[in-house]
Amino acid sequence: MAAPRKPGTAGVRKKKTATPNNGTVAAVASPPPPAEAATVHAAAPPAAHGANGVAFAAIQLRAYEIFLQRGVGHGDELSDWLAAEFELREKSAQSG
C-alpha cells in the first residue's frame, strides 16, 4: 500500500532555486528608486550665492512658490528654478 499524500500537493512541482553551498538563499538587491522620486533638494553650495549675487536659498524658496502657484505639477522644476533666478536677479539689479 502506498503512503498517503499531503492534501493540496498533488501534481505541484517545486521550483529549484540556486543556493550557496551553505544552503541559505542569497538576498536579491532591490532596484533603485525611479528618477521621478529624486526631486530637486540640492544642498546649498558653500558660498550660498550664485554668480549673480542672489542667495541660493532665496532662489530655492521662490522656485518652490512658483511650483505651488503652478498647481504642484511635477516635471517642470528647471523652468521654475530659472524663472525664480531671473525674477530675483532683476529685483536685485533694480535695488542696487
Protein backbone atom coordinates (compact mmCIF):
# COMPACT_ATOMS: atom_id res chain seq x y z
CA MET A 1 0.00 0.00 0.00
CA ALA A 2 1.30 3.47 -0.93
CA ALA A 3 1.91 6.21 1.66
CA PRO A 4 -0.86 8.85 1.80
CA ARG A 5 -0.11 12.18 0.11
CA LYS A 6 -0.32 15.55 1.77
CA PRO A 7 -3.51 17.38 0.78
CA GLY A 8 -3.09 20.12 -1.83
CA THR A 9 0.30 18.97 -3.10
CA ALA A 10 -0.75 16.50 -5.77
CA GLY A 11 0.81 17.42 -9.10
CA VAL A 12 2.61 20.52 -7.76
CA ARG A 13 6.25 20.77 -8.77
CA LYS A 14 8.70 22.71 -6.67
CA LYS A 15 10.88 25.20 -8.49
CA LYS A 16 14.57 24.66 -7.97
CA THR A 17 16.48 27.76 -6.95
CA ALA A 18 20.21 28.35 -6.86
CA THR A 19 21.55 28.48 -3.32
CA PRO A 20 25.05 28.99 -1.96
CA ASN A 21 26.95 25.97 -0.61
CA ASN A 22 25.72 26.53 2.96
CA GLY A 23 22.06 26.11 1.95
CA THR A 24 20.92 29.68 2.55
CA VAL A 25 19.15 31.66 -0.15
CA ALA A 26 21.10 34.65 -1.45
CA ALA A 27 19.48 38.05 -0.96
CA VAL A 28 18.45 39.96 -4.06
CA ALA A 29 19.08 43.69 -4.11
CA SER A 30 16.06 45.85 -4.85
CA PRO A 31 16.24 48.16 -7.86
CA PRO A 32 16.99 51.86 -7.31
CA PRO A 33 14.00 54.21 -6.95
CA PRO A 34 12.65 55.78 -10.15
CA ALA A 35 14.16 59.04 -11.32
CA GLU A 36 10.99 60.96 -10.53
CA ALA A 37 11.45 60.15 -6.83
CA ALA A 38 14.63 62.19 -6.80
CA THR A 39 13.30 65.74 -6.65
CA VAL A 40 15.37 68.88 -6.58
CA HIS A 41 16.56 69.10 -2.98
CA ALA A 42 20.17 70.03 -3.58
CA ALA A 43 22.22 71.31 -0.68
CA ALA A 44 23.37 74.89 -0.88
CA PRO A 45 26.89 75.36 -2.19
CA PRO A 46 29.47 76.61 0.33
CA ALA A 47 29.30 80.19 -0.95
CA ALA A 48 25.46 80.11 -0.88
CA HIS A 49 25.42 82.81 -3.58
CA GLY A 50 25.31 82.41 -7.31
CA ALA A 51 27.44 84.37 -9.75
CA ASN A 52 24.69 86.99 -9.89
CA GLY A 53 24.79 87.65 -6.13
CA VAL A 54 21.38 86.10 -5.43
CA ALA A 55 21.31 83.69 -2.48
CA PHE A 56 20.79 80.02 -3.32
CA ALA A 57 18.17 79.67 -0.57
CA ALA A 58 16.20 82.64 -1.93
CA ILE A 59 16.12 81.08 -5.41
CA GLN A 60 15.12 77.75 -3.93
CA LEU A 61 12.26 79.30 -1.96
CA ARG A 62 10.98 81.35 -4.90
CA ALA A 63 11.14 78.31 -7.21
CA TYR A 64 9.03 76.39 -4.68
CA GLU A 65 6.50 79.24 -4.57
CA ILE A 66 6.27 79.17 -8.38
CA PHE A 67 5.80 75.40 -8.21
CA LEU A 68 2.87 75.85 -5.81
CA GLN A 69 1.33 78.62 -7.93
CA ARG A 70 1.56 76.36 -10.97
CA GLY A 71 -0.64 73.79 -9.24
CA VAL A 72 2.01 71.36 -7.96
CA GLY A 73 2.54 69.77 -11.38
CA HIS A 74 5.72 67.74 -11.47
CA GLY A 75 8.24 67.66 -14.29
CA ASP A 76 8.98 71.36 -14.77
CA GLU A 77 11.48 72.02 -11.97
CA LEU A 78 14.11 73.57 -14.22
CA SER A 79 11.79 76.23 -15.63
CA ASP A 80 10.59 77.04 -12.08
CA TRP A 81 14.21 77.43 -10.96
CA LEU A 82 15.19 79.59 -13.94
CA ALA A 83 12.11 81.81 -13.55
CA ALA A 84 12.86 82.29 -9.85
CA GLU A 85 16.50 83.09 -10.58
CA PHE A 86 15.52 85.59 -13.27
CA GLU A 87 12.97 87.32 -11.00
CA LEU A 88 15.40 87.63 -8.10
CA ARG A 89 18.25 88.78 -10.36
CA GLU A 90 16.01 91.52 -11.82
CA LYS A 91 14.87 92.55 -8.34
CA SER A 92 18.47 92.65 -7.14
CA ALA A 93 19.58 94.77 -10.12
CA GLN A 94 16.76 97.28 -9.57
CA SER A 95 17.50 97.73 -5.87
CA GLY A 96 21.15 98.25 -6.13
